[in-house]
Amino acid sequence: MVCIYCDRCGEEIKNKYYTIHTNEYDINPSYASTVGYSHVDAASYSAREDILKTLNNTKMYCKDCKDKIEAFINNK
């Protein structure tokens, strides 16, 4: 079993976790990314690795901390 802890308060998250995204995206990309896989196994392995990498690099927050961050951002 995987335990997830809030990156702000450190409490264990039991049901749902929240993330905050402030990513930058180019509205006029100069290239298109295409990736092809010849085997389903390779795609499945790659997807699993991508999910694990995302989980390890994503800040996760409990609802209370998400609400506090949201209020701070909105100056409330």
N, C-alpha and C. Protein backbone atom coordinates (compact mmCIF):
# COMPACT_ATOMS: atom_id res chain seq x y z
N MET A 1 0.84 -1.17 0.00
CA MET A 1 0.00 0.00 0.00
C MET A 1 0.89 1.24 0.00
N VAL A 2 0.45 2.24 -0.75
CA VAL A 2 1.19 3.49 -0.85
C VAL A 2 0.52 4.51 0.06
N CYS A 3 1.31 5.18 0.85
CA CYS A 3 0.80 6.27 1.70
C CYS A 3 1.25 7.58 1.07
N ILE A 4 0.32 8.54 1.02
CA ILE A 4 0.62 9.85 0.47
C ILE A 4 0.47 10.87 1.59
N TYR A 5 1.45 11.75 1.69
CA TYR A 5 1.44 12.78 2.73
C TYR A 5 1.38 14.16 2.09
N CYS A 6 0.66 15.06 2.72
CA CYS A 6 0.55 16.43 2.25
C CYS A 6 1.93 17.09 2.28
N ASP A 7 2.30 17.71 1.17
CA ASP A 7 3.60 18.37 1.08
C ASP A 7 3.64 19.69 1.83
N ARG A 8 2.51 20.14 2.37
CA ARG A 8 2.50 21.38 3.14
C ARG A 8 2.49 21.11 4.63
N CYS A 9 1.53 20.30 5.09
CA CYS A 9 1.39 20.08 6.53
C CYS A 9 1.95 18.74 7.00
N GLY A 10 2.19 17.82 6.09
CA GLY A 10 2.77 16.54 6.44
C GLY A 10 1.79 15.48 6.89
N GLU A 11 0.50 15.79 6.94
CA GLU A 11 -0.51 14.81 7.35
C GLU A 11 -0.73 13.79 6.24
N GLU A 12 -1.05 12.56 6.64
CA GLU A 12 -1.36 11.53 5.66
C GLU A 12 -2.68 11.87 4.97
N ILE A 13 -2.70 11.71 3.66
CA ILE A 13 -3.90 11.98 2.87
C ILE A 13 -4.64 10.66 2.71
N LYS A 14 -5.90 10.62 3.13
CA LYS A 14 -6.67 9.37 3.14
C LYS A 14 -7.49 9.15 1.86
N ASN A 15 -8.16 10.17 1.35
CA ASN A 15 -9.09 9.95 0.24
C ASN A 15 -8.61 10.55 -1.07
N LYS A 16 -8.54 11.85 -1.13
CA LYS A 16 -8.17 12.55 -2.36
C LYS A 16 -7.00 13.48 -2.08
N TYR A 17 -6.14 13.64 -3.07
CA TYR A 17 -5.09 14.64 -2.96
C TYR A 17 -5.31 15.70 -4.03
N TYR A 18 -4.76 16.87 -3.82
CA TYR A 18 -4.92 17.99 -4.72
C TYR A 18 -3.55 18.47 -5.19
N THR A 19 -3.50 18.96 -6.41
CA THR A 19 -2.27 19.51 -6.95
C THR A 19 -2.54 20.93 -7.43
N ILE A 20 -1.50 21.70 -7.55
CA ILE A 20 -1.60 23.06 -8.05
C ILE A 20 -0.69 23.15 -9.26
N HIS A 21 -1.26 23.58 -10.38
CA HIS A 21 -0.50 23.66 -11.62
C HIS A 21 -0.32 25.11 -12.04
N THR A 22 0.91 25.48 -12.24
CA THR A 22 1.24 26.80 -12.77
C THR A 22 2.22 26.60 -13.92
N ASN A 23 1.86 25.72 -14.82
CA ASN A 23 2.74 25.37 -15.93
C ASN A 23 2.64 26.38 -17.06
N GLU A 24 3.69 26.47 -17.82
CA GLU A 24 3.74 27.34 -18.98
C GLU A 24 3.61 26.49 -20.23
N TYR A 25 2.74 26.93 -21.14
CA TYR A 25 2.54 26.21 -22.40
C TYR A 25 2.63 27.19 -23.56
N ASP A 26 3.31 26.80 -24.60
CA ASP A 26 3.43 27.62 -25.79
C ASP A 26 2.17 27.45 -26.64
N ILE A 27 1.50 28.56 -26.97
CA ILE A 27 0.29 28.44 -27.76
C ILE A 27 0.59 28.25 -29.25
N ASN A 28 1.84 28.46 -29.63
CA ASN A 28 2.26 28.24 -31.02
C ASN A 28 3.51 27.36 -31.05
N PRO A 29 3.37 26.09 -30.73
CA PRO A 29 4.55 25.22 -30.71
C PRO A 29 5.17 25.10 -32.10
N SER A 30 6.50 25.02 -32.12
CA SER A 30 7.20 24.96 -33.40
C SER A 30 7.38 23.54 -33.92
N TYR A 31 7.02 22.57 -33.13
CA TYR A 31 7.15 21.19 -33.55
C TYR A 31 6.05 20.37 -32.90
N ALA A 32 5.74 19.23 -33.52
CA ALA A 32 4.75 18.30 -32.97
C ALA A 32 5.48 17.05 -32.52
N SER A 33 5.17 16.60 -31.34
CA SER A 33 5.82 15.41 -30.79
C SER A 33 4.99 14.18 -31.11
N THR A 34 5.62 13.23 -31.77
CA THR A 34 4.95 11.96 -32.06
C THR A 34 5.83 10.83 -31.57
N VAL A 35 5.22 9.91 -30.88
CA VAL A 35 5.95 8.76 -30.35
C VAL A 35 5.19 7.52 -30.75
N GLY A 36 5.88 6.55 -31.28
CA GLY A 36 5.24 5.29 -31.65
C GLY A 36 5.90 4.13 -30.95
N TYR A 37 5.14 3.15 -30.57
CA TYR A 37 5.67 1.96 -29.92
C TYR A 37 5.34 0.76 -30.78
N SER A 38 6.31 -0.11 -30.90
CA SER A 38 6.08 -1.30 -31.71
C SER A 38 5.48 -2.44 -30.90
N HIS A 39 5.58 -2.36 -29.57
CA HIS A 39 5.06 -3.43 -28.73
C HIS A 39 4.18 -2.84 -27.63
N VAL A 40 3.12 -3.53 -27.34
CA VAL A 40 2.22 -3.09 -26.26
C VAL A 40 2.95 -3.13 -24.93
N ASP A 41 3.81 -4.11 -24.72
CA ASP A 41 4.56 -4.21 -23.47
C ASP A 41 5.42 -2.98 -23.24
N ALA A 42 6.06 -2.50 -24.29
CA ALA A 42 6.92 -1.32 -24.16
C ALA A 42 6.09 -0.10 -23.78
N ALA A 43 4.93 0.03 -24.39
CA ALA A 43 4.05 1.16 -24.08
C ALA A 43 3.54 1.06 -22.65
N SER A 44 3.18 -0.14 -22.23
CA SER A 44 2.68 -0.34 -20.87
C SER A 44 3.76 -0.02 -19.85
N TYR A 45 4.98 -0.49 -20.08
CA TYR A 45 6.09 -0.22 -19.17
C TYR A 45 6.38 1.26 -19.11
N SER A 46 6.39 1.90 -20.28
CA SER A 46 6.66 3.33 -20.34
C SER A 46 5.59 4.12 -19.60
N ALA A 47 4.33 3.74 -19.76
CA ALA A 47 3.24 4.44 -19.07
C ALA A 47 3.38 4.29 -17.57
N ARG A 48 3.73 3.11 -17.10
CA ARG A 48 3.91 2.87 -15.67
C ARG A 48 5.05 3.73 -15.13
N GLU A 49 6.15 3.78 -15.86
CA GLU A 49 7.29 4.59 -15.44
C GLU A 49 6.93 6.07 -15.42
N ASP A 50 6.15 6.52 -16.40
CA ASP A 50 5.73 7.92 -16.44
C ASP A 50 4.84 8.25 -15.25
N ILE A 51 3.94 7.34 -14.88
CA ILE A 51 3.06 7.56 -13.74
C ILE A 51 3.88 7.66 -12.46
N LEU A 52 4.84 6.76 -12.27
CA LEU A 52 5.67 6.80 -11.08
C LEU A 52 6.51 8.07 -11.03
N LYS A 53 7.04 8.49 -12.16
CA LYS A 53 7.84 9.72 -12.21
C LYS A 53 6.97 10.92 -11.87
N THR A 54 5.75 10.95 -12.40
CA THR A 54 4.83 12.05 -12.11
C THR A 54 4.49 12.09 -10.63
N LEU A 55 4.18 10.94 -10.05
CA LEU A 55 3.85 10.90 -8.63
C LEU A 55 5.02 11.36 -7.76
N ASN A 56 6.21 10.98 -8.12
CA ASN A 56 7.39 11.36 -7.34
C ASN A 56 7.74 12.83 -7.48
N ASN A 57 7.30 13.49 -8.55
CA ASN A 57 7.65 14.88 -8.80
C ASN A 57 6.48 15.85 -8.65
N THR A 58 5.37 15.37 -8.12
CA THR A 58 4.18 16.20 -7.99
C THR A 58 3.95 16.55 -6.53
N LYS A 59 3.78 17.83 -6.26
CA LYS A 59 3.41 18.26 -4.91
C LYS A 59 1.95 17.92 -4.70
N MET A 60 1.65 17.24 -3.60
CA MET A 60 0.29 16.82 -3.30
C MET A 60 -0.15 17.43 -1.98
N TYR A 61 -1.40 17.89 -1.96
CA TYR A 61 -1.91 18.59 -0.79
C TYR A 61 -3.23 18.00 -0.33
N CYS A 62 -3.47 18.08 0.98
CA CYS A 62 -4.77 17.70 1.53
C CYS A 62 -5.76 18.82 1.21
N LYS A 63 -7.04 18.56 1.39
CA LYS A 63 -8.08 19.55 1.06
C LYS A 63 -7.91 20.84 1.86
N ASP A 64 -7.60 20.72 3.14
CA ASP A 64 -7.45 21.91 3.98
C ASP A 64 -6.32 22.80 3.47
N CYS A 65 -5.18 22.21 3.16
CA CYS A 65 -4.05 23.00 2.67
C CYS A 65 -4.35 23.55 1.27
N LYS A 66 -5.03 22.78 0.44
CA LYS A 66 -5.41 23.27 -0.89
C LYS A 66 -6.29 24.48 -0.76
N ASP A 67 -7.25 24.44 0.16
CA ASP A 67 -8.15 25.58 0.37
C ASP A 67 -7.37 26.81 0.85
N LYS A 68 -6.39 26.61 1.73
CA LYS A 68 -5.59 27.73 2.24
C LYS A 68 -4.72 28.33 1.14
N ILE A 69 -4.13 27.48 0.31
CA ILE A 69 -3.29 27.96 -0.80
C ILE A 69 -4.16 28.71 -1.80
N GLU A 70 -5.31 28.16 -2.10
CA GLU A 70 -6.24 28.79 -3.03
C GLU A 70 -6.68 30.17 -2.51
N ALA A 71 -6.98 30.26 -1.24
CA ALA A 71 -7.38 31.54 -0.64
C ALA A 71 -6.22 32.54 -0.71
N PHE A 72 -5.00 32.09 -0.48
CA PHE A 72 -3.83 32.97 -0.57
C PHE A 72 -3.66 33.50 -1.99
N ILE A 73 -3.78 32.61 -2.97
CA ILE A 73 -3.62 33.01 -4.36
C ILE A 73 -4.70 34.01 -4.76
N ASN A 74 -5.91 33.80 -4.27
CA ASN A 74 -7.02 34.69 -4.61
C ASN A 74 -7.14 35.89 -3.68
N ASN A 75 -6.15 36.06 -2.78
CA ASN A 75 -6.13 37.18 -1.82
C ASN A 75 -7.38 37.26 -0.96
N LYS A 76 -7.82 36.13 -0.46
CA LYS A 76 -9.01 36.11 0.39
C LYS A 76 -8.63 35.89 1.83
